[in-house]
Amino acid sequence: MAADQVSTGTRAVESVRTTVGSLVSPASERQREIRRIVALCLPFSVLLLFSGVFPLTEMFRISFSESRLVTEGFTVEYYRAMVTDPYYRNIAFNTLWFAAATTVTSIAVAVPVAHALEKYALPAKSVILTVLSFPNSLPGIVAAFMIIILFGNTGILSNVFAFLSGQSRIDVAIATSVGGLFFAYIYSMIPRALLLLRGTYAEVNTDAEEAARVLGATPLQTFRYVTLPQIKPGLIGASILVFRTGLAIFGTVLILKGLLVWTLQIDRELAQGFNIAQASAMATVWFVFVFGFTVLMLRYTSAEVSI
């Protein structure tokens, strides 16, 4: 038995040595190709290990710690609290319904915009595309300040609405309400939906649409029975991307605080009492939910939406 184990260990060492040798000094084109693949993937693998696998593993360990300050013991109390405490259940409900509402709104706005951009020769199209894609380059905090400038107590639109309605500016200001947060969310989410939908629309079979119109179909019927089935993968992909964005937004909600959502509560757990174990448990649940949701939904679309 001992001899067999030594023999197995020797073969394993030889196999590793041979593999490393083929990477260092490849003797065939196949080995050179493997070396190129390894070299190209190595930076990402290192990044994934130190910025993904290690932090997530440590976060998972901390979430079961009995102590708030050091990782020791084992308890499921923090997970039990999220299930049994109405406070955490309400936060989860707020997060899900708000992300779903902003997703539906963003997709509803993005579809006709993508349709117009791909189907019609619009004037100054490059300028329009630049303006529409600009929010993708802005952090959430900047978007929040833009909402304050527009809808705050002294905001531009607040002044206009106050003048037209005869109410005070404070009464019509919505920047720090659910409404203000809603506008801030869709401001960031609509361009992301457009990113996928424009590519989907570019692949639509226009001949089938023209044939439907020749046969007497109205524009609405053509869209429903011809265009919609073709853009369905893009719609699902855009919904995945936008819904995940709605779940992950933090900077915007940190500034506006119109609604208590999951990411904001994680910040509060750390800022108020440094309850890192509870924050880690919440972050673990968030990660598992988002990852599982993405994997499940990707089964229903061919659109390229990364995990």
Protein backbone atom coordinates (compact mmCIF):
# COMPACT_ATOMS: atom_id res chain seq x y z
CA MET A 1 0.00 0.00 0.00
CA ALA A 2 2.80 2.40 0.92
CA ALA A 3 4.65 1.53 -2.29
CA ASP A 4 1.51 2.25 -4.33
CA GLN A 5 1.10 5.64 -2.65
CA VAL A 6 4.73 6.52 -3.32
CA SER A 7 4.33 5.43 -6.95
CA THR A 8 1.17 7.54 -7.34
CA GLY A 9 2.88 10.54 -5.79
CA THR A 10 5.89 10.10 -8.07
CA ARG A 11 3.67 9.98 -11.16
CA ALA A 12 1.84 13.13 -10.03
CA VAL A 13 5.12 14.98 -9.53
CA GLU A 14 6.34 13.86 -12.94
CA SER A 15 3.07 14.95 -14.54
CA VAL A 16 3.33 18.43 -12.97
CA ARG A 17 7.00 18.66 -13.99
CA THR A 18 6.14 17.70 -17.57
CA THR A 19 3.30 20.25 -17.74
CA VAL A 20 5.47 23.04 -16.36
CA GLY A 21 8.28 22.06 -18.73
CA SER A 22 5.94 22.23 -21.73
CA LEU A 23 4.85 25.70 -20.69
CA VAL A 24 8.40 26.98 -20.16
CA SER A 25 9.94 25.30 -23.20
CA PRO A 26 7.16 24.18 -25.60
CA ALA A 27 8.25 21.61 -28.16
CA SER A 28 5.16 21.68 -30.40
CA GLU A 29 2.72 24.23 -31.81
CA ARG A 30 -0.03 22.87 -29.55
CA GLN A 31 2.14 23.44 -26.46
CA ARG A 32 3.01 26.95 -27.67
CA GLU A 33 -0.70 27.67 -28.09
CA ILE A 34 -1.39 26.45 -24.55
CA ARG A 35 1.40 28.68 -23.25
CA ARG A 36 -0.13 31.71 -24.99
CA ILE A 37 -3.54 30.93 -23.50
CA VAL A 38 -2.05 30.57 -20.01
CA ALA A 39 -0.10 33.83 -20.40
CA LEU A 40 -3.21 35.70 -21.52
CA CYS A 41 -5.38 34.28 -18.72
CA LEU A 42 -2.81 34.66 -15.94
CA PRO A 43 -3.42 38.36 -15.13
CA PHE A 44 -7.17 37.82 -14.88
CA SER A 45 -6.68 34.66 -12.82
CA VAL A 46 -4.51 36.54 -10.33
CA LEU A 47 -7.06 39.38 -10.21
CA LEU A 48 -9.90 36.90 -9.72
CA LEU A 49 -8.06 35.17 -6.89
CA PHE A 50 -7.13 38.28 -4.88
CA SER A 51 -10.12 40.50 -5.63
CA GLY A 52 -12.80 37.83 -5.94
CA VAL A 53 -12.21 34.39 -4.46
CA PHE A 54 -10.24 35.44 -1.38
CA PRO A 55 -12.52 38.34 -0.29
CA LEU A 56 -15.67 36.27 -0.87
CA THR A 57 -14.27 33.35 1.09
CA GLU A 58 -13.29 35.60 3.98
CA MET A 59 -16.68 37.32 3.88
CA PHE A 60 -18.40 33.94 4.05
CA ARG A 61 -16.30 32.94 7.08
CA ILE A 62 -17.00 36.20 8.90
CA SER A 63 -20.75 35.83 8.38
CA PHE A 64 -20.76 32.75 10.64
CA SER A 65 -18.56 34.27 13.36
CA GLU A 66 -19.94 34.53 16.87
CA SER A 67 -17.90 37.67 17.51
CA ARG A 68 -18.47 40.99 15.80
CA LEU A 69 -14.83 42.01 15.85
CA VAL A 70 -12.87 38.81 15.24
CA THR A 71 -13.59 35.65 13.28
CA GLU A 72 -14.18 32.97 15.89
CA GLY A 73 -16.86 30.43 16.76
CA PHE A 74 -19.79 29.43 14.59
CA THR A 75 -23.35 30.73 14.51
CA VAL A 76 -26.18 31.17 12.01
CA GLU A 77 -27.74 33.94 14.08
CA TYR A 78 -27.10 36.63 11.48
CA TYR A 79 -28.78 34.60 8.75
CA ARG A 80 -31.66 33.75 11.08
CA ALA A 81 -32.13 37.46 11.80
CA MET A 82 -32.55 38.21 8.09
CA VAL A 83 -35.30 35.58 7.87
CA THR A 84 -37.17 36.20 11.12
CA ASP A 85 -36.67 39.94 11.73
CA PRO A 86 -39.37 42.04 9.97
CA TYR A 87 -36.83 44.87 9.68
CA TYR A 88 -34.58 42.90 7.32
CA ARG A 89 -37.51 41.36 5.46
CA ASN A 90 -38.87 44.83 4.77
CA ILE A 91 -35.48 45.94 3.44
CA ALA A 92 -35.35 42.91 1.14
CA PHE A 93 -38.87 43.66 -0.11
CA ASN A 94 -37.97 47.32 -0.74
CA THR A 95 -34.87 46.29 -2.66
CA LEU A 96 -36.66 43.80 -4.88
CA TRP A 97 -39.74 45.81 -5.75
CA PHE A 98 -37.75 48.98 -6.40
CA ALA A 99 -35.21 47.21 -8.61
CA ALA A 100 -38.06 45.49 -10.48
CA ALA A 101 -40.01 48.74 -10.95
CA THR A 102 -36.98 50.65 -12.25
CA THR A 103 -36.07 47.71 -14.51
CA VAL A 104 -39.51 47.62 -16.13
CA THR A 105 -39.51 51.39 -16.60
CA SER A 106 -35.98 51.44 -18.01
CA ILE A 107 -36.75 48.68 -20.52
CA ALA A 108 -40.03 50.35 -21.50
CA VAL A 109 -38.14 53.57 -22.29
CA ALA A 110 -35.12 51.89 -23.89
CA VAL A 111 -37.09 49.77 -26.40
CA PRO A 112 -38.62 52.63 -28.40
CA VAL A 113 -35.39 54.62 -28.19
CA ALA A 114 -33.36 51.68 -29.53
CA HIS A 115 -36.02 51.15 -32.19
CA ALA A 116 -35.76 54.77 -33.33
CA LEU A 117 -31.96 54.75 -33.33
CA GLU A 118 -31.72 51.62 -35.47
CA LYS A 119 -34.73 52.05 -37.76
CA TYR A 120 -34.60 55.73 -38.68
CA ALA A 121 -31.98 58.08 -40.11
CA LEU A 122 -32.05 60.59 -37.27
CA PRO A 123 -30.26 63.94 -37.59
CA ALA A 124 -27.15 64.32 -35.42
CA LYS A 125 -27.33 60.63 -34.55
CA SER A 126 -23.78 60.52 -33.21
CA VAL A 127 -24.56 63.39 -30.82
CA ILE A 128 -27.72 61.64 -29.64
CA LEU A 129 -25.80 58.41 -29.00
CA THR A 130 -23.13 60.32 -27.06
CA VAL A 131 -25.72 62.00 -24.86
CA LEU A 132 -27.63 58.77 -24.25
CA SER A 133 -24.50 56.79 -23.35
CA PHE A 134 -22.98 59.52 -21.19
CA PRO A 135 -24.60 58.34 -17.90
CA ASN A 136 -22.62 55.09 -18.20
CA SER A 137 -19.46 57.05 -17.42
CA LEU A 138 -20.87 58.81 -14.35
CA PRO A 139 -20.60 57.40 -10.82
CA GLY A 140 -23.81 57.09 -8.84
CA ILE A 141 -22.87 59.96 -6.53
CA VAL A 142 -22.72 62.37 -9.49
CA ALA A 143 -26.13 61.17 -10.68
CA ALA A 144 -27.50 61.79 -7.20
CA PHE A 145 -26.20 65.36 -7.16
CA MET A 146 -27.78 65.94 -10.58
CA ILE A 147 -31.13 64.87 -9.13
CA ILE A 148 -30.62 67.27 -6.22
CA ILE A 149 -29.86 70.09 -8.66
CA LEU A 150 -33.04 69.32 -10.56
CA PHE A 151 -35.47 68.26 -7.83
CA GLY A 152 -33.93 69.53 -4.57
CA ASN A 153 -35.34 72.26 -2.33
CA THR A 154 -33.72 74.88 -4.56
CA GLY A 155 -33.66 72.73 -7.68
CA ILE A 156 -34.31 74.01 -11.18
CA LEU A 157 -37.43 71.95 -11.77
CA SER A 158 -38.59 72.43 -8.19
CA ASN A 159 -38.63 76.18 -8.82
CA VAL A 160 -40.61 75.70 -12.04
CA PHE A 161 -43.16 73.39 -10.41
CA ALA A 162 -43.49 75.72 -7.42
CA PHE A 163 -44.14 78.68 -9.72
CA LEU A 164 -46.72 76.80 -11.77
CA SER A 165 -48.55 75.25 -8.81
CA GLY A 166 -48.29 78.11 -6.35
CA GLN A 167 -46.77 75.80 -3.70
CA SER A 168 -43.49 76.28 -1.89
CA ARG A 169 -40.33 74.80 -3.34
CA ILE A 170 -39.91 72.53 -0.32
CA ASP A 171 -43.36 71.04 -0.84
CA VAL A 172 -42.68 70.07 -4.47
CA ALA A 173 -39.05 68.98 -4.00
CA ILE A 174 -38.70 65.20 -4.44
CA ALA A 175 -34.91 64.71 -4.60
CA THR A 176 -34.67 62.81 -1.32
CA SER A 177 -37.96 60.95 -1.72
CA VAL A 178 -38.67 57.63 -3.40
CA GLY A 179 -39.58 59.57 -6.55
CA GLY A 180 -36.21 61.30 -6.68
CA LEU A 181 -34.39 58.01 -6.13
CA PHE A 182 -36.51 56.45 -8.88
CA PHE A 183 -35.41 59.08 -11.42
CA ALA A 184 -31.78 58.68 -10.34
CA TYR A 185 -31.97 54.91 -10.84
CA ILE A 186 -33.50 55.00 -14.30
CA TYR A 187 -31.04 57.73 -15.32
CA SER A 188 -28.27 55.18 -14.74
CA MET A 189 -30.16 52.13 -15.97
CA ILE A 190 -31.68 53.22 -19.28
CA PRO A 191 -28.27 53.61 -21.02
CA ARG A 192 -27.30 50.12 -19.89
CA ALA A 193 -30.47 48.70 -21.41
CA LEU A 194 -29.78 50.59 -24.63
CA LEU A 195 -26.33 49.07 -24.76
CA LEU A 196 -27.78 45.61 -25.33
CA LEU A 197 -30.97 46.51 -27.16
CA ARG A 198 -29.23 48.47 -29.91
CA GLY A 199 -27.11 45.43 -30.73
CA THR A 200 -30.22 43.24 -30.74
CA TYR A 201 -32.12 45.59 -33.03
CA ALA A 202 -29.20 45.64 -35.46
CA GLU A 203 -29.72 41.90 -36.04
CA VAL A 204 -33.48 42.10 -36.67
CA ASN A 205 -34.60 40.67 -40.02
CA THR A 206 -35.99 43.75 -41.75
CA ASP A 207 -37.22 41.69 -44.71
CA ALA A 208 -39.68 39.90 -42.42
CA GLU A 209 -40.94 43.24 -41.13
CA GLU A 210 -41.42 44.58 -44.65
CA ALA A 211 -43.26 41.41 -45.66
CA ALA A 212 -45.62 41.79 -42.72
CA ARG A 213 -46.41 45.38 -43.66
CA VAL A 214 -47.00 44.40 -47.31
CA LEU A 215 -49.48 41.77 -46.12
CA GLY A 216 -51.43 44.49 -44.31
CA ALA A 217 -50.08 44.32 -40.76
CA THR A 218 -50.18 47.56 -38.79
CA PRO A 219 -46.93 48.89 -37.23
CA LEU A 220 -48.10 47.63 -33.84
CA GLN A 221 -48.92 44.18 -35.20
CA THR A 222 -45.57 44.06 -37.02
CA PHE A 223 -43.75 44.88 -33.80
CA ARG A 224 -45.75 42.38 -31.73
CA TYR A 225 -45.62 39.39 -34.06
CA VAL A 226 -42.40 39.94 -36.03
CA THR A 227 -40.00 42.29 -34.23
CA LEU A 228 -40.69 41.36 -30.59
CA PRO A 229 -39.86 37.63 -30.97
CA GLN A 230 -36.56 38.59 -32.60
CA ILE A 231 -35.53 41.05 -29.87
CA LYS A 232 -36.70 38.81 -27.02
CA PRO A 233 -33.17 37.55 -26.18
CA GLY A 234 -31.98 41.15 -26.00
CA LEU A 235 -34.92 42.11 -23.79
CA ILE A 236 -34.13 39.31 -21.35
CA GLY A 237 -30.43 40.16 -21.42
CA ALA A 238 -31.12 43.85 -20.84
CA SER A 239 -33.51 42.99 -17.99
CA ILE A 240 -30.83 40.88 -16.32
CA LEU A 241 -28.24 43.62 -16.66
CA VAL A 242 -30.53 46.40 -15.48
CA PHE A 243 -32.06 44.44 -12.60
CA ARG A 244 -28.60 43.56 -11.28
CA THR A 245 -27.66 47.23 -11.57
CA GLY A 246 -30.72 48.16 -9.53
CA LEU A 247 -29.73 45.70 -6.82
CA ALA A 248 -26.12 46.91 -6.73
CA ILE A 249 -26.50 50.71 -6.82
CA PHE A 250 -25.00 52.24 -3.68
CA GLY A 251 -23.57 55.72 -4.27
CA THR A 252 -26.89 57.12 -5.48
CA VAL A 253 -28.94 55.77 -2.60
CA LEU A 254 -26.24 56.78 -0.10
CA ILE A 255 -26.70 60.43 -1.09
CA LEU A 256 -30.46 60.57 -1.66
CA LYS A 257 -31.58 58.03 1.01
CA GLY A 258 -35.08 57.96 -0.44
CA LEU A 259 -35.54 54.28 0.41
CA LEU A 260 -33.74 51.84 2.68
CA VAL A 261 -32.38 49.10 0.41
CA TRP A 262 -29.99 46.19 0.92
CA THR A 263 -26.74 47.93 -0.04
CA LEU A 264 -27.49 50.94 2.15
CA GLN A 265 -28.24 48.69 5.12
CA ILE A 266 -24.91 46.89 4.66
CA ASP A 267 -23.21 50.28 4.93
CA ARG A 268 -25.21 51.08 8.07
CA GLU A 269 -24.26 47.79 9.69
CA LEU A 270 -20.61 48.79 9.30
CA ALA A 271 -21.01 52.48 10.10
CA GLN A 272 -23.26 52.06 13.14
CA GLY A 273 -21.56 49.67 15.57
CA PHE A 274 -19.29 47.97 13.03
CA ASN A 275 -21.40 44.82 12.92
CA ILE A 276 -19.19 43.25 10.27
CA ALA A 277 -20.63 39.76 10.80
CA GLN A 278 -24.17 40.92 9.98
CA ALA A 279 -22.88 42.98 7.05
CA SER A 280 -20.98 39.94 5.76
CA ALA A 281 -24.08 37.76 6.04
CA MET A 282 -26.10 40.33 4.11
CA ALA A 283 -23.39 40.63 1.46
CA THR A 284 -23.23 36.83 1.13
CA VAL A 285 -26.99 36.58 0.62
CA TRP A 286 -26.82 39.40 -1.93
CA PHE A 287 -24.02 37.69 -3.87
CA VAL A 288 -25.71 34.27 -3.88
CA PHE A 289 -29.02 35.77 -4.98
CA VAL A 290 -27.53 37.87 -7.81
CA PHE A 291 -25.29 35.04 -9.02
CA GLY A 292 -28.13 32.51 -8.92
CA PHE A 293 -30.54 34.93 -10.62
CA THR A 294 -28.04 35.59 -13.41
CA VAL A 295 -27.25 31.92 -14.02
CA LEU A 296 -30.95 31.04 -14.07
CA MET A 297 -31.98 33.84 -16.42
CA LEU A 298 -29.09 33.29 -18.82
CA ARG A 299 -30.72 29.99 -19.72
CA TYR A 300 -33.47 31.95 -21.49
CA THR A 301 -31.35 34.28 -23.59
CA SER A 302 -28.52 34.18 -26.09
CA ALA A 303 -27.54 37.79 -25.36
CA GLU A 304 -24.06 38.31 -23.97
CA VAL A 305 -24.57 39.26 -20.31
CA SER A 306 -21.56 38.46 -18.15
CA ILE A 307 -21.95 36.91 -14.72
